[in-house]
Structures are given as structure tokens and as C-alpha cells.
Amino acid sequence: MKKLNTFANLNAATLAAMSPEWRRVGKAQKSATSFEDPDVAIPTRTETLGGRQVRLAEAGPADAPLVVLLSPFPESILSFAGSWGALTDRLHIIAIDLPGFGASEGDRNDMSPEALGAHLATFFEELDLHDIHLVAPDVGMGAALAYAIHHDHRLASMAIGHGPGAPGPFKLAMMISLLAKSGVMRTSTAMLGAGPLIAFSAKIGKIRSRSNPIQVDDYLRAYAGRAGEVIHWFEDFRLKAAELAKGVGKIDIPTLVFWGDLDVLFDPSNAENLHDALPKSELRILPEAGHFSWSDQPEMFASMIIDWVNTGHAAL
């Protein structure tokens, strides 16, 4: 089983110490009650969709409302282990590792919201999915917005957070801004490999939770040898985000905007700006939660999504 090595952890600690946001995160982590994500058997499979080998997981009552759950970066659908049981008790869940992310096939051509949104359109058609409640954090948020803006969608609602597409000042952590601005930074990050990227994102992006060994093994295997491809997600990042932001005011879909109150990678002010711009939206800020809010507050996240899908979205 693959583990984060000393180099990855030291690199993450060094980058965190250089980040102006670390002081706030470190203080919150010291005062929080930490826990390890549970070891949950998520039933994954691989299918050919849109000509790509795509990893999915499916569980929950067949007659329950359908939720499509998209993977974050640099993790995978296993990131939802903490809320998986509660979600699949009440909802029909199909979780998808987006192309180029997690264990799904992909390359640098997939590293834009528009490309991922087009993939979603193809996947939903090939899987014959309708009345979808799309839950999409992180890179999934960009994909969901692009899908809703540019395609004839099949959505009943969206729940999005912690990603690009908010209008107004787009507030990012220093390291994210450097990745967006500097080709040298992207190249050096790619050369360091997946381990430091995974370790740093967890160190500065989580307040309460820690990935379990099975998750860490999955993330390391998923991104081994392709950090150089996936890091292109950050190329022209602010431009990509601004293009999405131009279209959010036209999205006439009930949308839940969720964010961790201690997300220092993508500031919570982005959530407020997005909520203000969307015609039909509700805003939820999860307490004592960082960028990976679904991991930091798994019970709260599951309850939020269940309530949103069953009743909340219909009120907008």
C-alpha cells in the first residue's frame, strides 16, 4: 500500500509555512477535534464512457432521488467515505471520477471546466440519466457550471462549492495564485510529483479530518506519473474562472452553494458572490471546515445534501 513519504510531508510542511494562510489554518487545527476518515467499502467499477475509461461507484435505493457526485482534486470519489453511508441510505448515488482526475483516464485536454462539462453531457446521455441532483465540489464545481451554462442539461438541481466560477473578486490562496500565474511554478510542482501535491492540499485544506490509508493509497496511485498533466488545470486559471462567471446569472436551476468557513484555498467570499449572482440559490457555510468541507463535516454534509435533494431545492 502506497503512503505519503517523508519528502512529501516535509515539502507540504515547508509550503504551508510559506503560505500566509497557514497561521489561521494551523490555529484552527490545533483547537479542533480531529479524526480519521472511516474505512468504507465504496463499490467502484470502471466503464467506457465517451471513449474514456471512467471510474464510478453506485449505491443506494434504485427508487430514491438520483444524485451524481463528482470527485475533487487531488483526491477522488473515495474522499466521500465519511458521508457515503448516510447518503446511500437515503439517495441513489452515482459517484464519478472526472476524466483526468482520480482513477479515470484523461490528459491535459481535459483540464478545463468546458472540457469537463462536455464530458458530463456525454456521460449523462450514455448512462441515460435524468432529473439529476448534481453535487460538485472543487474541480467538479467548474465542470457543473460549464455543463449547466453550455449544454441542454438534465438537472433537477445542483449543489456546488469550493471551485471556480464566482463573479467579483476571485480570492485564492497564495500558492493557488502562483500556480495560476507562473509556468515555472506549475513545472516545478509537476516535477515534485503527486505526493507533495496531495500532502499539501490536505495539510492546508482540512481542519478536522485525515485521510485513511486506503484513501491515501488510492490518491497516490490515481495521480502517479501524471502530475504534469493534471497541473494544467491551473493554467490560465483566473481566465477560465472569469469565463464561467460570465454565465452564472443565466443558470435557472435551483442551486445550493456550500463552503467551509475555513477554506483558505478558495475564500468563502467567493461563495457569497456566487450566491448573489445565481437566480435561484441557497448558501450554506459549514463551520469548522476547510476546503474539503465534506470530509471535515461528513454528517453535516450528508444531512445538508439529503435535505436539499428531498425538499430544499423545490422551495426555490
C-alpha atoms as a PDB file:
ATOM      1  CA  MET A   1       0.000   0.000   0.000  1.00  0.00           C
ATOM      2  CA  LYS A   2       1.371   3.405  -1.008  1.00  0.00           C
ATOM      3  CA  LYS A   3       1.973   6.001   1.711  1.00  0.00           C
ATOM      4  CA  LEU A   4       2.984   9.637   1.769  1.00  0.00           C
ATOM      5  CA  ASN A   5       6.745   9.577   2.255  1.00  0.00           C
ATOM      6  CA  THR A   6       8.948  11.861   4.316  1.00  0.00           C
ATOM      7  CA  PHE A   7       9.784  14.022   1.297  1.00  0.00           C
ATOM      8  CA  ALA A   8       6.108  14.654   0.526  1.00  0.00           C
ATOM      9  CA  ASN A   9       5.299  15.553   4.117  1.00  0.00           C
ATOM     10  CA  LEU A  10       8.336  17.806   4.531  1.00  0.00           C
ATOM     11  CA  ASN A  11       7.572  19.542   1.256  1.00  0.00           C
ATOM     12  CA  ALA A  12       3.970  20.093   2.371  1.00  0.00           C
ATOM     13  CA  ALA A  13       5.116  21.483   5.724  1.00  0.00           C
ATOM     14  CA  THR A  14       7.558  23.854   4.014  1.00  0.00           C
ATOM     15  CA  LEU A  15       4.949  25.151   1.578  1.00  0.00           C
ATOM     16  CA  ALA A  16       2.449  25.581   4.396  1.00  0.00           C
ATOM     17  CA  ALA A  17       4.969  27.596   6.427  1.00  0.00           C
ATOM     18  CA  MET A  18       5.491  29.846   3.393  1.00  0.00           C
ATOM     19  CA  SER A  19       1.728  30.389   2.969  1.00  0.00           C
ATOM     20  CA  PRO A  20       0.241  33.441   4.683  1.00  0.00           C
ATOM     21  CA  GLU A  21      -2.957  31.441   5.196  1.00  0.00           C
ATOM     22  CA  TRP A  22      -1.254  28.743   7.273  1.00  0.00           C
ATOM     23  CA  ARG A  23      -1.353  30.615  10.568  1.00  0.00           C
ATOM     24  CA  ARG A  24      -5.156  30.670  10.523  1.00  0.00           C
ATOM     25  CA  VAL A  25      -5.431  27.044   9.430  1.00  0.00           C
ATOM     26  CA  GLY A  26      -2.855  25.772  11.908  1.00  0.00           C
ATOM     27  CA  LYS A  27      -4.573  27.542  14.788  1.00  0.00           C
ATOM     28  CA  ALA A  28      -7.930  26.038  13.809  1.00  0.00           C
ATOM     29  CA  GLN A  29      -6.457  22.557  13.511  1.00  0.00           C
ATOM     30  CA  LYS A  30      -4.938  22.760  16.995  1.00  0.00           C
ATOM     31  CA  SER A  31      -8.287  23.622  18.562  1.00  0.00           C
ATOM     32  CA  ALA A  32     -10.338  21.117  16.524  1.00  0.00           C
ATOM     33  CA  THR A  33     -11.151  17.524  17.433  1.00  0.00           C
ATOM     34  CA  SER A  34      -9.503  15.539  14.659  1.00  0.00           C
ATOM     35  CA  PHE A  35     -10.498  12.154  13.277  1.00  0.00           C
ATOM     36  CA  GLU A  36      -9.520   9.735  10.525  1.00  0.00           C
ATOM     37  CA  ASP A  37     -11.963   9.144   7.672  1.00  0.00           C
ATOM     38  CA  PRO A  38     -13.744   5.809   8.101  1.00  0.00           C
ATOM     39  CA  ASP A  39     -12.748   2.786   6.028  1.00  0.00           C
ATOM     40  CA  VAL A  40     -15.910   2.382   3.950  1.00  0.00           C
ATOM     41  CA  ALA A  41     -16.338  -0.117   1.108  1.00  0.00           C
ATOM     42  CA  ILE A  42     -17.280   2.114  -1.828  1.00  0.00           C
ATOM     43  CA  PRO A  43     -18.261  -0.206  -4.715  1.00  0.00           C
ATOM     44  CA  THR A  44     -16.189   1.166  -7.602  1.00  0.00           C
ATOM     45  CA  ARG A  45     -16.219  -0.029 -11.190  1.00  0.00           C
ATOM     46  CA  THR A  46     -14.754   1.154 -14.480  1.00  0.00           C
ATOM     47  CA  GLU A  47     -16.836   1.829 -17.589  1.00  0.00           C
ATOM     48  CA  THR A  48     -16.068   3.177 -21.036  1.00  0.00           C
ATOM     49  CA  LEU A  49     -17.877   6.498 -21.329  1.00  0.00           C
ATOM     50  CA  GLY A  50     -17.265   8.993 -24.083  1.00  0.00           C
ATOM     51  CA  GLY A  51     -14.351   6.867 -25.248  1.00  0.00           C
ATOM     52  CA  ARG A  52     -12.657   7.154 -21.829  1.00  0.00           C
ATOM     53  CA  GLN A  53     -12.098   4.631 -19.073  1.00  0.00           C
ATOM     54  CA  VAL A  54     -14.046   6.223 -16.228  1.00  0.00           C
ATOM     55  CA  ARG A  55     -14.278   5.067 -12.615  1.00  0.00           C
ATOM     56  CA  LEU A  56     -17.687   5.195 -10.976  1.00  0.00           C
ATOM     57  CA  ALA A  57     -19.326   3.979  -7.792  1.00  0.00           C
ATOM     58  CA  GLU A  58     -23.057   3.350  -7.441  1.00  0.00           C
ATOM     59  CA  ALA A  59     -25.173   2.561  -4.391  1.00  0.00           C
ATOM     60  CA  GLY A  60     -28.472   3.387  -2.722  1.00  0.00           C
ATOM     61  CA  PRO A  61     -32.150   2.582  -3.316  1.00  0.00           C
ATOM     62  CA  ALA A  62     -32.998   2.375  -7.014  1.00  0.00           C
ATOM     63  CA  ASP A  63     -36.238   4.324  -6.485  1.00  0.00           C
ATOM     64  CA  ALA A  64     -34.634   7.120  -4.464  1.00  0.00           C
ATOM     65  CA  PRO A  65     -33.759  10.540  -5.960  1.00  0.00           C
ATOM     66  CA  LEU A  66     -30.683  10.383  -8.174  1.00  0.00           C
ATOM     67  CA  VAL A  67     -27.547  12.201  -7.063  1.00  0.00           C
ATOM     68  CA  VAL A  68     -24.414  12.377  -9.210  1.00  0.00           C
ATOM     69  CA  LEU A  69     -21.392  13.100  -7.037  1.00  0.00           C
ATOM     70  CA  LEU A  70     -18.213  14.440  -8.682  1.00  0.00           C
ATOM     71  CA  SER A  71     -14.661  13.924  -7.435  1.00  0.00           C
ATOM     72  CA  PRO A  72     -12.396  16.647  -6.009  1.00  0.00           C
ATOM     73  CA  PHE A  73      -8.698  17.197  -6.775  1.00  0.00           C
ATOM     74  CA  PRO A  74      -6.129  15.916  -5.821  1.00  0.00           C
ATOM     75  CA  GLU A  75      -8.320  13.241  -4.301  1.00  0.00           C
ATOM     76  CA  SER A  76     -11.035  11.001  -5.764  1.00  0.00           C
ATOM     77  CA  ILE A  77     -14.555   9.733  -5.114  1.00  0.00           C
ATOM     78  CA  LEU A  78     -13.125   7.880  -2.089  1.00  0.00           C
ATOM     79  CA  SER A  79     -12.937  11.327  -0.474  1.00  0.00           C
ATOM     80  CA  PHE A  80     -16.639  10.948   0.371  1.00  0.00           C
ATOM     81  CA  ALA A  81     -16.130   7.945   2.651  1.00  0.00           C
ATOM     82  CA  GLY A  82     -17.328   9.858   5.714  1.00  0.00           C
ATOM     83  CA  SER A  83     -20.754  10.655   4.252  1.00  0.00           C
ATOM     84  CA  TRP A  84     -21.130   7.667   1.901  1.00  0.00           C
ATOM     85  CA  GLY A  85     -23.213   5.510   4.245  1.00  0.00           C
ATOM     86  CA  ALA A  86     -25.679   8.252   5.194  1.00  0.00           C
ATOM     87  CA  LEU A  87     -26.056   9.427   1.587  1.00  0.00           C
ATOM     88  CA  THR A  88     -26.621   5.960   0.141  1.00  0.00           C
ATOM     89  CA  ASP A  89     -29.171   5.086   2.839  1.00  0.00           C
ATOM     90  CA  ARG A  90     -31.498   7.796   1.526  1.00  0.00           C
ATOM     91  CA  LEU A  91     -30.411   8.604  -2.034  1.00  0.00           C
ATOM     92  CA  HIS A  92     -29.359   6.789  -5.192  1.00  0.00           C
ATOM     93  CA  ILE A  93     -25.733   7.848  -5.621  1.00  0.00           C
ATOM     94  CA  ILE A  94     -23.571   7.619  -8.722  1.00  0.00           C
ATOM     95  CA  ALA A  95     -20.112   8.976  -7.946  1.00  0.00           C
ATOM     96  CA  ILE A  96     -17.783   9.782 -10.850  1.00  0.00           C
ATOM     97  CA  ASP A  97     -14.057  10.445 -11.023  1.00  0.00           C
ATOM     98  CA  LEU A  98     -13.892  13.149 -13.669  1.00  0.00           C
ATOM     99  CA  PRO A  99     -11.657  12.475 -16.716  1.00  0.00           C
ATOM    100  CA  GLY A 100      -8.050  13.168 -15.791  1.00  0.00           C
ATOM    101  CA  PHE A 101      -8.850  13.075 -12.079  1.00  0.00           C
ATOM    102  CA  GLY A 102      -8.961  10.240  -9.570  1.00  0.00           C
ATOM    103  CA  ALA A 103      -8.779   6.860 -11.298  1.00  0.00           C
ATOM    104  CA  SER A 104     -10.375   7.998 -14.566  1.00  0.00           C
ATOM    105  CA  GLU A 105      -8.454   8.191 -17.812  1.00  0.00           C
ATOM    106  CA  GLY A 106      -7.615  11.669 -19.067  1.00  0.00           C
ATOM    107  CA  ASP A 107      -4.950  14.137 -20.114  1.00  0.00           C
ATOM    108  CA  ARG A 108      -4.249  17.873 -20.298  1.00  0.00           C
ATOM    109  CA  ASN A 109      -7.016  18.317 -22.867  1.00  0.00           C
ATOM    110  CA  ASP A 110      -9.469  17.623 -20.055  1.00  0.00           C
ATOM    111  CA  MET A 111      -8.053  20.356 -17.798  1.00  0.00           C
ATOM    112  CA  SER A 112     -10.718  23.000 -18.261  1.00  0.00           C
ATOM    113  CA  PRO A 113     -14.284  23.444 -16.988  1.00  0.00           C
ATOM    114  CA  GLU A 114     -15.584  23.484 -20.567  1.00  0.00           C
ATOM    115  CA  ALA A 115     -13.947  20.157 -21.441  1.00  0.00           C
ATOM    116  CA  LEU A 116     -15.237  18.523 -18.261  1.00  0.00           C
ATOM    117  CA  GLY A 117     -18.712  19.985 -18.782  1.00  0.00           C
ATOM    118  CA  ALA A 118     -18.787  18.436 -22.253  1.00  0.00           C
ATOM    119  CA  HIS A 119     -17.769  15.108 -20.734  1.00  0.00           C
ATOM    120  CA  LEU A 120     -20.680  15.334 -18.289  1.00  0.00           C
ATOM    121  CA  ALA A 121     -23.111  15.908 -21.158  1.00  0.00           C
ATOM    122  CA  THR A 122     -21.801  12.766 -22.861  1.00  0.00           C
ATOM    123  CA  PHE A 123     -21.770  10.667 -19.691  1.00  0.00           C
ATOM    124  CA  PHE A 124     -25.317  11.572 -18.708  1.00  0.00           C
ATOM    125  CA  GLU A 125     -26.552  10.739 -22.196  1.00  0.00           C
ATOM    126  CA  GLU A 126     -24.729   7.410 -22.379  1.00  0.00           C
ATOM    127  CA  LEU A 127     -25.853   6.415 -18.875  1.00  0.00           C
ATOM    128  CA  ASP A 128     -29.392   7.648 -19.697  1.00  0.00           C
ATOM    129  CA  LEU A 129     -29.621   9.749 -16.541  1.00  0.00           C
ATOM    130  CA  HIS A 130     -32.432  12.252 -15.960  1.00  0.00           C
ATOM    131  CA  ASP A 131     -33.624  14.502 -13.118  1.00  0.00           C
ATOM    132  CA  ILE A 132     -30.105  14.595 -11.718  1.00  0.00           C
ATOM    133  CA  HIS A 133     -29.141  16.327  -8.498  1.00  0.00           C
ATOM    134  CA  LEU A 134     -25.529  17.177  -9.287  1.00  0.00           C
ATOM    135  CA  VAL A 135     -23.224  17.516  -6.263  1.00  0.00           C
ATOM    136  CA  ALA A 136     -19.961  19.037  -7.402  1.00  0.00           C
ATOM    137  CA  PRO A 137     -17.192  20.418  -5.194  1.00  0.00           C
ATOM    138  CA  ASP A 138     -13.749  21.692  -6.235  1.00  0.00           C
ATOM    139  CA  VAL A 139     -12.937  20.841  -9.888  1.00  0.00           C
ATOM    140  CA  GLY A 140     -16.435  19.378 -10.084  1.00  0.00           C
ATOM    141  CA  MET A 141     -17.910  22.827  -9.493  1.00  0.00           C
ATOM    142  CA  GLY A 142     -16.294  24.194 -12.639  1.00  0.00           C
ATOM    143  CA  ALA A 143     -17.487  21.164 -14.601  1.00  0.00           C
ATOM    144  CA  ALA A 144     -21.044  21.523 -13.272  1.00  0.00           C
ATOM    145  CA  LEU A 145     -21.248  25.232 -14.077  1.00  0.00           C
ATOM    146  CA  ALA A 146     -19.883  24.693 -17.592  1.00  0.00           C
ATOM    147  CA  TYR A 147     -22.379  21.877 -18.150  1.00  0.00           C
ATOM    148  CA  ALA A 148     -25.314  23.997 -16.962  1.00  0.00           C
ATOM    149  CA  ILE A 149     -24.235  27.034 -18.988  1.00  0.00           C
ATOM    150  CA  HIS A 150     -23.295  25.409 -22.297  1.00  0.00           C
ATOM    151  CA  HIS A 151     -25.470  22.288 -22.626  1.00  0.00           C
ATOM    152  CA  ASP A 152     -29.112  21.216 -22.656  1.00  0.00           C
ATOM    153  CA  HIS A 153     -28.962  19.913 -19.124  1.00  0.00           C
ATOM    154  CA  ARG A 154     -30.725  17.040 -17.371  1.00  0.00           C
ATOM    155  CA  LEU A 155     -30.551  18.555 -13.901  1.00  0.00           C
ATOM    156  CA  ALA A 156     -33.155  18.901 -11.183  1.00  0.00           C
ATOM    157  CA  SER A 157     -30.702  20.839  -9.023  1.00  0.00           C
ATOM    158  CA  MET A 158     -27.039  21.485  -8.271  1.00  0.00           C
ATOM    159  CA  ALA A 159     -25.006  21.642  -5.066  1.00  0.00           C
ATOM    160  CA  ILE A 160     -21.635  23.272  -5.730  1.00  0.00           C
ATOM    161  CA  GLY A 161     -18.743  24.680  -3.749  1.00  0.00           C
ATOM    162  CA  HIS A 162     -15.030  25.330  -3.302  1.00  0.00           C
ATOM    163  CA  GLY A 163     -14.298  25.887  -7.001  1.00  0.00           C
ATOM    164  CA  PRO A 164     -14.044  28.418  -9.831  1.00  0.00           C
ATOM    165  CA  GLY A 165     -16.870  30.408 -11.339  1.00  0.00           C
ATOM    166  CA  ALA A 166     -17.848  33.054  -8.793  1.00  0.00           C
ATOM    167  CA  PRO A 167     -18.214  36.626 -10.103  1.00  0.00           C
ATOM    168  CA  GLY A 168     -16.477  39.545  -8.461  1.00  0.00           C
ATOM    169  CA  PRO A 169     -13.034  39.447  -6.862  1.00  0.00           C
ATOM    170  CA  PHE A 170     -11.838  35.840  -7.137  1.00  0.00           C
ATOM    171  CA  LYS A 171      -9.933  35.306  -3.874  1.00  0.00           C
ATOM    172  CA  LEU A 172      -7.415  32.453  -3.888  1.00  0.00           C
ATOM    173  CA  ALA A 173      -4.640  31.287  -1.596  1.00  0.00           C
ATOM    174  CA  MET A 174      -1.149  32.500  -2.450  1.00  0.00           C
ATOM    175  CA  MET A 175       0.011  29.077  -3.694  1.00  0.00           C
ATOM    176  CA  ILE A 176      -3.030  28.676  -5.959  1.00  0.00           C
ATOM    177  CA  SER A 177      -2.455  32.149  -7.364  1.00  0.00           C
ATOM    178  CA  LEU A 178       1.196  31.278  -8.065  1.00  0.00           C
ATOM    179  CA  LEU A 179       0.166  28.104  -9.887  1.00  0.00           C
ATOM    180  CA  ALA A 180      -2.234  30.161 -11.979  1.00  0.00           C
ATOM    181  CA  LYS A 181       0.306  32.875 -12.833  1.00  0.00           C
ATOM    182  CA  SER A 182       3.591  31.034 -13.181  1.00  0.00           C
ATOM    183  CA  GLY A 183       4.562  28.365 -15.678  1.00  0.00           C
ATOM    184  CA  VAL A 184       7.742  27.836 -13.661  1.00  0.00           C
ATOM    185  CA  MET A 185       5.635  27.117 -10.565  1.00  0.00           C
ATOM    186  CA  ARG A 186       3.487  24.634 -12.467  1.00  0.00           C
ATOM    187  CA  THR A 187       6.542  22.905 -13.917  1.00  0.00           C
ATOM    188  CA  SER A 188       8.296  22.622 -10.550  1.00  0.00           C
ATOM    189  CA  THR A 189       5.105  21.326  -8.915  1.00  0.00           C
ATOM    190  CA  ALA A 190       4.738  18.718 -11.644  1.00  0.00           C
ATOM    191  CA  MET A 191       8.357  17.628 -11.204  1.00  0.00           C
ATOM    192  CA  LEU A 192       7.837  17.066  -7.468  1.00  0.00           C
ATOM    193  CA  GLY A 193       5.100  14.575  -8.297  1.00  0.00           C
ATOM    194  CA  ALA A 194       1.768  13.625  -6.806  1.00  0.00           C
ATOM    195  CA  GLY A 195       2.868  13.046  -3.212  1.00  0.00           C
ATOM    196  CA  PRO A 196       3.714  16.641  -2.233  1.00  0.00           C
ATOM    197  CA  LEU A 197       0.605  17.927  -4.037  1.00  0.00           C
ATOM    198  CA  ILE A 198      -1.652  15.537  -2.121  1.00  0.00           C
ATOM    199  CA  ALA A 199       0.099  16.192   1.186  1.00  0.00           C
ATOM    200  CA  PHE A 200      -0.018  19.997   0.866  1.00  0.00           C
ATOM    201  CA  SER A 201      -3.676  20.141  -0.160  1.00  0.00           C
ATOM    202  CA  ALA A 202      -4.617  18.007   2.847  1.00  0.00           C
ATOM    203  CA  LYS A 203      -2.420  19.977   5.254  1.00  0.00           C
ATOM    204  CA  ILE A 204      -3.869  23.361   4.350  1.00  0.00           C
ATOM    205  CA  GLY A 205      -7.301  22.225   3.129  1.00  0.00           C
ATOM    206  CA  LYS A 206      -8.541  20.145   6.090  1.00  0.00           C
ATOM    207  CA  ILE A 207      -9.328  21.229   9.634  1.00  0.00           C
ATOM    208  CA  ARG A 208     -10.715  18.130  11.360  1.00  0.00           C
ATOM    209  CA  SER A 209     -10.310  15.127   9.077  1.00  0.00           C
ATOM    210  CA  ARG A 210      -7.378  12.961   7.989  1.00  0.00           C
ATOM    211  CA  SER A 211      -7.410  10.580   5.043  1.00  0.00           C
ATOM    212  CA  ASN A 212      -7.244   6.914   5.976  1.00  0.00           C
ATOM    213  CA  PRO A 213      -4.520   4.640   4.495  1.00  0.00           C
ATOM    214  CA  ILE A 214      -6.832   3.243   1.793  1.00  0.00           C
ATOM    215  CA  GLN A 215      -7.689   6.748   0.600  1.00  0.00           C
ATOM    216  CA  VAL A 216      -4.042   7.852   0.584  1.00  0.00           C
ATOM    217  CA  ASP A 217      -3.094   4.750  -1.409  1.00  0.00           C
ATOM    218  CA  ASP A 218      -5.877   5.473  -3.894  1.00  0.00           C
ATOM    219  CA  TYR A 219      -4.899   9.114  -4.364  1.00  0.00           C
ATOM    220  CA  LEU A 220      -1.211   8.285  -4.845  1.00  0.00           C
ATOM    221  CA  ARG A 221      -1.987   5.558  -7.378  1.00  0.00           C
ATOM    222  CA  ALA A 222      -4.501   7.777  -9.170  1.00  0.00           C
ATOM    223  CA  TYR A 223      -2.060  10.630  -9.789  1.00  0.00           C
ATOM    224  CA  ALA A 224       1.215   8.708 -10.032  1.00  0.00           C
ATOM    225  CA  GLY A 225       3.071   9.756 -13.168  1.00  0.00           C
ATOM    226  CA  ARG A 226       0.534  12.336 -14.279  1.00  0.00           C
ATOM    227  CA  ALA A 227       1.053  15.356 -12.058  1.00  0.00           C
ATOM    228  CA  GLY A 228       2.443  17.076 -15.146  1.00  0.00           C
ATOM    229  CA  GLU A 229      -0.864  16.601 -16.961  1.00  0.00           C
ATOM    230  CA  VAL A 230      -3.281  17.455 -14.177  1.00  0.00           C
ATOM    231  CA  ILE A 231      -1.422  20.600 -13.103  1.00  0.00           C
ATOM    232  CA  HIS A 232      -2.587  22.178 -16.384  1.00  0.00           C
ATOM    233  CA  TRP A 233      -5.923  22.679 -14.614  1.00  0.00           C
ATOM    234  CA  PHE A 234      -4.333  25.821 -13.138  1.00  0.00           C
ATOM    235  CA  GLU A 235      -3.026  27.219 -16.428  1.00  0.00           C
ATOM    236  CA  ASP A 236      -4.910  30.454 -17.237  1.00  0.00           C
ATOM    237  CA  PHE A 237      -6.987  29.641 -14.158  1.00  0.00           C
ATOM    238  CA  ARG A 238      -8.321  33.120 -13.498  1.00  0.00           C
ATOM    239  CA  LEU A 239      -9.325  33.472 -17.151  1.00  0.00           C
ATOM    240  CA  LYS A 240     -11.156  30.142 -17.036  1.00  0.00           C
ATOM    241  CA  ALA A 241     -12.918  31.215 -13.840  1.00  0.00           C
ATOM    242  CA  ALA A 242     -13.888  34.582 -15.335  1.00  0.00           C
ATOM    243  CA  GLU A 243     -15.377  32.910 -18.405  1.00  0.00           C
ATOM    244  CA  LEU A 244     -17.557  30.741 -16.160  1.00  0.00           C
ATOM    245  CA  ALA A 245     -18.567  33.727 -14.046  1.00  0.00           C
ATOM    246  CA  LYS A 246     -19.994  35.488 -17.110  1.00  0.00           C
ATOM    247  CA  GLY A 247     -22.649  32.791 -17.450  1.00  0.00           C
ATOM    248  CA  VAL A 248     -23.765  32.006 -13.913  1.00  0.00           C
ATOM    249  CA  GLY A 249     -26.501  34.645 -13.936  1.00  0.00           C
ATOM    250  CA  LYS A 250     -28.259  32.684 -16.678  1.00  0.00           C
ATOM    251  CA  ILE A 251     -28.415  29.395 -14.730  1.00  0.00           C
ATOM    252  CA  ASP A 252     -32.089  28.922 -13.890  1.00  0.00           C
ATOM    253  CA  ILE A 253     -31.544  25.791 -11.786  1.00  0.00           C
ATOM    254  CA  PRO A 254     -32.075  25.539  -8.009  1.00  0.00           C
ATOM    255  CA  THR A 255     -28.523  25.658  -6.671  1.00  0.00           C
ATOM    256  CA  LEU A 256     -27.108  25.066  -3.229  1.00  0.00           C
ATOM    257  CA  VAL A 257     -23.799  26.866  -2.713  1.00  0.00           C
ATOM    258  CA  PHE A 258     -21.825  25.261   0.117  1.00  0.00           C
ATOM    259  CA  TRP A 259     -18.439  26.238   1.516  1.00  0.00           C
ATOM    260  CA  GLY A 260     -16.269  25.629   4.546  1.00  0.00           C
ATOM    261  CA  ASP A 261     -15.860  28.683   6.752  1.00  0.00           C
ATOM    262  CA  LEU A 262     -12.102  27.989   6.960  1.00  0.00           C
ATOM    263  CA  ASP A 263     -11.412  27.348   3.286  1.00  0.00           C
ATOM    264  CA  VAL A 264      -8.249  29.366   2.698  1.00  0.00           C
ATOM    265  CA  LEU A 265      -7.587  27.920  -0.771  1.00  0.00           C
ATOM    266  CA  PHE A 266     -10.822  29.389  -2.184  1.00  0.00           C
ATOM    267  CA  ASP A 267     -12.012  32.126   0.167  1.00  0.00           C
ATOM    268  CA  PRO A 268     -15.653  31.916   1.407  1.00  0.00           C
ATOM    269  CA  SER A 269     -16.281  35.374  -0.073  1.00  0.00           C
ATOM    270  CA  ASN A 270     -16.389  33.542  -3.409  1.00  0.00           C
ATOM    271  CA  ALA A 271     -19.416  31.618  -2.113  1.00  0.00           C
ATOM    272  CA  GLU A 272     -21.222  34.827  -1.197  1.00  0.00           C
ATOM    273  CA  ASN A 273     -20.531  36.352  -4.609  1.00  0.00           C
ATOM    274  CA  LEU A 274     -21.733  33.222  -6.387  1.00  0.00           C
ATOM    275  CA  HIS A 275     -24.885  33.051  -4.278  1.00  0.00           C
ATOM    276  CA  ASP A 276     -25.656  36.686  -5.098  1.00  0.00           C
ATOM    277  CA  ALA A 277     -25.229  36.065  -8.840  1.00  0.00           C
ATOM    278  CA  LEU A 278     -27.310  32.900  -9.182  1.00  0.00           C
ATOM    279  CA  PRO A 279     -31.049  33.466  -9.796  1.00  0.00           C
ATOM    280  CA  LYS A 280     -32.146  30.527  -7.620  1.00  0.00           C
ATOM    281  CA  SER A 281     -29.719  29.722  -4.854  1.00  0.00           C
ATOM    282  CA  GLU A 282     -29.259  28.962  -1.186  1.00  0.00           C
ATOM    283  CA  LEU A 283     -25.996  29.482   0.701  1.00  0.00           C
ATOM    284  CA  ARG A 284     -24.634  27.184   3.411  1.00  0.00           C
ATOM    285  CA  ILE A 285     -21.349  27.855   5.179  1.00  0.00           C
ATOM    286  CA  LEU A 286     -20.188  24.790   7.094  1.00  0.00           C
ATOM    287  CA  PRO A 287     -18.495  25.586  10.432  1.00  0.00           C
ATOM    288  CA  GLU A 288     -15.049  24.308  11.406  1.00  0.00           C
ATOM    289  CA  ALA A 289     -14.483  23.105   7.844  1.00  0.00           C
ATOM    290  CA  GLY A 290     -11.773  23.809   5.309  1.00  0.00           C
ATOM    291  CA  HIS A 291     -11.584  23.352   1.558  1.00  0.00           C
ATOM    292  CA  PHE A 292     -12.583  19.689   1.921  1.00  0.00           C
ATOM    293  CA  SER A 293     -15.719  20.539   3.877  1.00  0.00           C
ATOM    294  CA  TRP A 294     -17.436  17.214   3.094  1.00  0.00           C
ATOM    295  CA  SER A 295     -14.546  15.451   4.863  1.00  0.00           C
ATOM    296  CA  ASP A 296     -14.334  17.872   7.794  1.00  0.00           C
ATOM    297  CA  GLN A 297     -18.089  17.768   8.436  1.00  0.00           C
ATOM    298  CA  PRO A 298     -19.312  14.461   6.945  1.00  0.00           C
ATOM    299  CA  GLU A 299     -22.521  14.131   8.982  1.00  0.00           C
ATOM    300  CA  MET A 300     -23.454  17.761   8.402  1.00  0.00           C
ATOM    301  CA  PHE A 301     -22.644  17.455   4.695  1.00  0.00           C
ATOM    302  CA  ALA A 302     -24.749  14.314   4.258  1.00  0.00           C
ATOM    303  CA  SER A 303     -27.701  15.815   6.119  1.00  0.00           C
ATOM    304  CA  MET A 304     -27.430  19.004   4.057  1.00  0.00           C
ATOM    305  CA  ILE A 305     -27.467  17.127   0.741  1.00  0.00           C
ATOM    306  CA  ILE A 306     -30.311  14.805   1.783  1.00  0.00           C
ATOM    307  CA  ASP A 307     -32.482  17.730   2.899  1.00  0.00           C
ATOM    308  CA  TRP A 308     -31.622  19.715  -0.226  1.00  0.00           C
ATOM    309  CA  VAL A 309     -32.495  16.875  -2.590  1.00  0.00           C
ATOM    310  CA  ASN A 310     -35.690  15.813  -0.807  1.00  0.00           C
ATOM    311  CA  THR A 311     -37.222  19.220  -0.101  1.00  0.00           C
ATOM    312  CA  GLY A 312     -34.849  22.197  -0.149  1.00  0.00           C
ATOM    313  CA  HIS A 313     -34.371  22.611  -3.894  1.00  0.00           C
ATOM    314  CA  ALA A 314     -38.111  22.619  -4.552  1.00  0.00           C
ATOM    315  CA  ALA A 315     -38.575  25.729  -2.417  1.00  0.00           C
ATOM    316  CA  LEU A 316     -36.585  27.926  -4.824  1.00  0.00           C
END
